[in-house]
Amino acid sequence: MNTAFVNDARVMTKGQITIPKNVREALGVESGDRVTFIVDGSNVRVVNSAVYAIMRLQNQMRGEAEKAGLFSEEDVANWITQSRREEAVQ
C-alpha cells in the first residue's frame, strides 16, 4: 500500500472525527485501538499508540545495554542464563 497520500475528515460538533479507512490501514489500527496525536506548532501527526510507545522506550533505552556490558546477542543470552540461575537459587 502506498503510504504517501492526503485525506481529510470532518470534525463533528463534539470534536470527533472518523479516521478514513486508508489512514487506519496505514497506521495499522482497528476498532478499539488507540492513536496518539503529536502536536508540533501547527502540525499534528497521528500515530499508532502502541508503535509510538515502543519507539519511545527504544529511545529511552538507547545505550543502556552497552552500559551494562552487553555488546552482543551472546552477552544477552549469557545474562539471561545467569539471571535464571540466580532466581532458581533464591
N, C-alpha and C. Protein backbone atom coordinates (compact mmCIF):
# COMPACT_ATOMS: atom_id res chain seq x y z
N MET A 1 0.85 -1.19 0.00
CA MET A 1 0.00 0.00 0.00
C MET A 1 0.88 1.24 0.00
N ASN A 2 0.55 2.20 -0.83
CA ASN A 2 1.27 3.46 -0.87
C ASN A 2 0.89 4.29 0.35
N THR A 3 1.86 4.67 1.18
CA THR A 3 1.56 5.44 2.38
C THR A 3 1.76 6.93 2.19
N ALA A 4 1.97 7.38 0.96
CA ALA A 4 2.07 8.81 0.67
C ALA A 4 0.77 9.24 0.01
N PHE A 5 -0.14 9.83 0.81
CA PHE A 5 -1.41 10.29 0.28
C PHE A 5 -1.97 11.36 1.19
N VAL A 6 -2.99 12.03 0.74
CA VAL A 6 -3.66 13.07 1.52
C VAL A 6 -5.11 12.65 1.67
N ASN A 7 -5.66 12.84 2.85
CA ASN A 7 -7.06 12.53 3.09
C ASN A 7 -7.57 13.53 4.11
N ASP A 8 -8.87 13.71 4.16
CA ASP A 8 -9.43 14.63 5.14
C ASP A 8 -10.63 14.00 5.82
N ALA A 9 -11.04 14.62 6.92
CA ALA A 9 -12.20 14.15 7.67
C ALA A 9 -12.90 15.36 8.27
N ARG A 10 -14.18 15.27 8.45
CA ARG A 10 -14.96 16.36 9.01
C ARG A 10 -14.96 16.25 10.55
N VAL A 11 -14.77 17.38 11.20
CA VAL A 11 -14.84 17.44 12.66
C VAL A 11 -16.30 17.64 13.04
N MET A 12 -16.82 16.76 13.88
CA MET A 12 -18.21 16.82 14.30
C MET A 12 -18.35 17.78 15.50
N THR A 13 -19.56 18.01 15.95
CA THR A 13 -19.82 19.02 16.98
C THR A 13 -19.10 18.72 18.30
N LYS A 14 -18.89 17.47 18.62
CA LYS A 14 -18.19 17.11 19.86
C LYS A 14 -16.69 16.97 19.65
N GLY A 15 -16.17 17.39 18.48
CA GLY A 15 -14.74 17.29 18.20
C GLY A 15 -14.31 15.93 17.68
N GLN A 16 -15.25 15.06 17.42
CA GLN A 16 -14.92 13.72 16.94
C GLN A 16 -14.73 13.71 15.43
N ILE A 17 -13.85 12.80 15.00
CA ILE A 17 -13.68 12.58 13.57
C ILE A 17 -13.68 11.07 13.33
N THR A 18 -13.98 10.68 12.11
CA THR A 18 -13.82 9.29 11.70
C THR A 18 -12.53 9.23 10.91
N ILE A 19 -11.62 8.38 11.34
CA ILE A 19 -10.36 8.23 10.62
C ILE A 19 -10.65 7.43 9.36
N PRO A 20 -10.34 7.99 8.19
CA PRO A 20 -10.62 7.28 6.94
C PRO A 20 -9.95 5.91 6.91
N LYS A 21 -10.59 4.98 6.21
CA LYS A 21 -10.12 3.59 6.16
C LYS A 21 -8.67 3.48 5.70
N ASN A 22 -8.28 4.21 4.64
CA ASN A 22 -6.90 4.09 4.17
C ASN A 22 -5.90 4.63 5.17
N VAL A 23 -6.31 5.59 5.99
CA VAL A 23 -5.43 6.10 7.05
C VAL A 23 -5.32 5.07 8.16
N ARG A 24 -6.45 4.46 8.56
CA ARG A 24 -6.41 3.40 9.59
C ARG A 24 -5.51 2.26 9.14
N GLU A 25 -5.62 1.88 7.87
CA GLU A 25 -4.78 0.79 7.35
C GLU A 25 -3.30 1.19 7.39
N ALA A 26 -2.99 2.42 7.01
CA ALA A 26 -1.60 2.88 7.03
C ALA A 26 -1.04 2.91 8.45
N LEU A 27 -1.89 3.24 9.43
CA LEU A 27 -1.46 3.27 10.83
C LEU A 27 -1.45 1.88 11.46
N GLY A 28 -2.15 0.95 10.85
CA GLY A 28 -2.27 -0.39 11.42
C GLY A 28 -3.17 -0.41 12.64
N VAL A 29 -4.23 0.41 12.62
CA VAL A 29 -5.16 0.44 13.76
C VAL A 29 -6.52 -0.07 13.34
N GLU A 30 -7.21 -0.64 14.32
CA GLU A 30 -8.55 -1.16 14.13
C GLU A 30 -9.45 -0.62 15.22
N SER A 31 -10.70 -0.95 15.15
CA SER A 31 -11.67 -0.53 16.16
C SER A 31 -11.17 -0.90 17.56
N GLY A 32 -11.18 0.05 18.46
CA GLY A 32 -10.73 -0.19 19.83
C GLY A 32 -9.27 0.14 20.08
N ASP A 33 -8.47 0.26 19.02
CA ASP A 33 -7.06 0.62 19.18
C ASP A 33 -6.97 2.10 19.54
N ARG A 34 -5.80 2.48 20.03
CA ARG A 34 -5.56 3.88 20.40
C ARG A 34 -4.61 4.53 19.41
N VAL A 35 -4.79 5.83 19.22
CA VAL A 35 -3.86 6.62 18.42
C VAL A 35 -3.33 7.75 19.29
N THR A 36 -2.15 8.23 18.95
CA THR A 36 -1.52 9.33 19.67
C THR A 36 -1.41 10.51 18.72
N PHE A 37 -1.73 11.70 19.23
CA PHE A 37 -1.59 12.93 18.47
C PHE A 37 -0.33 13.63 18.93
N ILE A 38 0.58 13.89 18.01
CA ILE A 38 1.83 14.59 18.32
C ILE A 38 1.72 15.97 17.69
N VAL A 39 1.65 17.01 18.53
CA VAL A 39 1.47 18.38 18.06
C VAL A 39 2.81 19.10 18.09
N ASP A 40 3.16 19.69 16.95
CA ASP A 40 4.39 20.46 16.82
C ASP A 40 4.03 21.76 16.10
N GLY A 41 3.77 22.79 16.89
CA GLY A 41 3.30 24.05 16.30
C GLY A 41 1.94 23.85 15.68
N SER A 42 1.81 24.16 14.40
CA SER A 42 0.52 23.99 13.73
C SER A 42 0.42 22.65 13.00
N ASN A 43 1.43 21.79 13.16
CA ASN A 43 1.42 20.47 12.54
C ASN A 43 1.06 19.41 13.57
N VAL A 44 0.25 18.46 13.14
CA VAL A 44 -0.16 17.36 14.01
C VAL A 44 0.08 16.05 13.27
N ARG A 45 0.74 15.12 13.96
CA ARG A 45 0.92 13.76 13.43
C ARG A 45 0.02 12.83 14.23
N VAL A 46 -0.59 11.89 13.55
CA VAL A 46 -1.39 10.86 14.21
C VAL A 46 -0.63 9.55 14.03
N VAL A 47 -0.33 8.88 15.15
CA VAL A 47 0.44 7.65 15.09
C VAL A 47 -0.25 6.57 15.91
N ASN A 48 0.04 5.33 15.58
CA ASN A 48 -0.43 4.18 16.33
C ASN A 48 0.19 4.25 17.72
N SER A 49 -0.62 4.30 18.77
CA SER A 49 -0.11 4.47 20.13
C SER A 49 0.84 3.37 20.56
N ALA A 50 0.56 2.12 20.17
CA ALA A 50 1.43 1.01 20.57
C ALA A 50 2.80 1.15 19.92
N VAL A 51 2.82 1.50 18.65
CA VAL A 51 4.09 1.69 17.93
C VAL A 51 4.85 2.85 18.54
N TYR A 52 4.14 3.94 18.84
CA TYR A 52 4.77 5.13 19.43
C TYR A 52 5.39 4.80 20.80
N ALA A 53 4.68 4.01 21.61
CA ALA A 53 5.20 3.65 22.92
C ALA A 53 6.49 2.84 22.80
N ILE A 54 6.53 1.91 21.87
CA ILE A 54 7.75 1.11 21.65
C ILE A 54 8.89 2.00 21.18
N MET A 55 8.60 2.94 20.28
CA MET A 55 9.64 3.85 19.79
C MET A 55 10.21 4.69 20.93
N ARG A 56 9.34 5.18 21.81
CA ARG A 56 9.79 5.98 22.96
C ARG A 56 10.65 5.14 23.90
N LEU A 57 10.22 3.90 24.16
CA LEU A 57 11.00 3.02 25.02
C LEU A 57 12.37 2.74 24.41
N GLN A 58 12.40 2.47 23.11
CA GLN A 58 13.69 2.22 22.44
C GLN A 58 14.60 3.43 22.57
N ASN A 59 14.06 4.63 22.39
CA ASN A 59 14.88 5.83 22.52
C ASN A 59 15.39 6.00 23.95
N GLN A 60 14.53 5.73 24.93
CA GLN A 60 14.93 5.87 26.33
C GLN A 60 15.98 4.83 26.72
N MET A 61 15.92 3.66 26.12
CA MET A 61 16.84 2.58 26.48
C MET A 61 18.13 2.59 25.66
N ARG A 62 18.20 3.46 24.64
CA ARG A 62 19.37 3.51 23.76
C ARG A 62 20.64 3.67 24.60
N GLY A 63 21.58 2.77 24.41
CA GLY A 63 22.87 2.84 25.09
C GLY A 63 22.92 2.11 26.43
N GLU A 64 21.77 1.71 26.96
CA GLU A 64 21.75 1.07 28.28
C GLU A 64 22.39 -0.32 28.25
N ALA A 65 22.24 -1.06 27.17
CA ALA A 65 22.85 -2.40 27.09
C ALA A 65 24.36 -2.29 27.17
N GLU A 66 24.92 -1.32 26.44
CA GLU A 66 26.37 -1.15 26.46
C GLU A 66 26.85 -0.75 27.86
N LYS A 67 26.06 0.10 28.54
CA LYS A 67 26.42 0.50 29.92
C LYS A 67 26.46 -0.72 30.84
N ALA A 68 25.60 -1.71 30.54
CA ALA A 68 25.53 -2.92 31.36
C ALA A 68 26.53 -3.98 30.90
N GLY A 69 27.32 -3.65 29.87
CA GLY A 69 28.32 -4.61 29.38
C GLY A 69 27.78 -5.63 28.42
N LEU A 70 26.62 -5.35 27.81
CA LEU A 70 26.01 -6.28 26.86
C LEU A 70 26.24 -5.75 25.45
N PHE A 71 27.13 -6.40 24.72
CA PHE A 71 27.52 -5.91 23.40
C PHE A 71 27.09 -6.82 22.26
N SER A 72 26.61 -8.02 22.58
CA SER A 72 26.21 -8.96 21.53
C SER A 72 25.01 -9.77 22.02
N GLU A 73 24.40 -10.50 21.10
CA GLU A 73 23.30 -11.38 21.48
C GLU A 73 23.78 -12.46 22.43
N GLU A 74 25.02 -12.90 22.25
CA GLU A 74 25.59 -13.90 23.16
C GLU A 74 25.70 -13.34 24.58
N ASP A 75 26.10 -12.07 24.71
CA ASP A 75 26.17 -11.43 26.03
C ASP A 75 24.79 -11.42 26.68
N VAL A 76 23.77 -11.10 25.91
CA VAL A 76 22.40 -11.05 26.44
C VAL A 76 21.96 -12.45 26.86
N ALA A 77 22.21 -13.45 26.02
CA ALA A 77 21.84 -14.83 26.35
C ALA A 77 22.53 -15.29 27.63
N ASN A 78 23.80 -14.97 27.78
CA ASN A 78 24.53 -15.33 28.99
C ASN A 78 23.96 -14.63 30.21
N TRP A 79 23.58 -13.36 30.06
CA TRP A 79 22.99 -12.60 31.17
C TRP A 79 21.66 -13.22 31.59
N ILE A 80 20.84 -13.62 30.61
CA ILE A 80 19.56 -14.26 30.92
C ILE A 80 19.78 -15.58 31.64
N THR A 81 20.71 -16.39 31.16
CA THR A 81 21.00 -17.68 31.79
C THR A 81 21.45 -17.47 33.23
N GLN A 82 22.35 -16.53 33.45
CA GLN A 82 22.86 -16.25 34.79
C GLN A 82 21.74 -15.76 35.71
N SER A 83 20.87 -14.89 35.19
CA SER A 83 19.75 -14.37 35.99
C SER A 83 18.80 -15.49 36.40
N ARG A 84 18.54 -16.41 35.48
CA ARG A 84 17.64 -17.52 35.80
C ARG A 84 18.25 -18.44 36.84
N ARG A 85 19.55 -18.65 36.76
CA ARG A 85 20.23 -19.47 37.78
C ARG A 85 20.14 -18.82 39.15
N GLU A 86 20.33 -17.51 39.19
CA GLU A 86 20.25 -16.79 40.46
C GLU A 86 18.84 -16.86 41.04
N GLU A 87 17.81 -16.76 40.17
CA GLU A 87 16.43 -16.85 40.64
C GLU A 87 16.12 -18.24 41.18
N ALA A 88 16.67 -19.27 40.54
CA ALA A 88 16.43 -20.65 40.97
C ALA A 88 17.04 -20.92 42.34
N VAL A 89 18.14 -20.25 42.64
CA VAL A 89 18.81 -20.44 43.93
C VAL A 89 18.00 -19.79 45.05
N GLN A 90 17.34 -18.70 44.73
CA GLN A 90 16.57 -17.97 45.76
C GLN A 90 15.35 -18.71 46.06
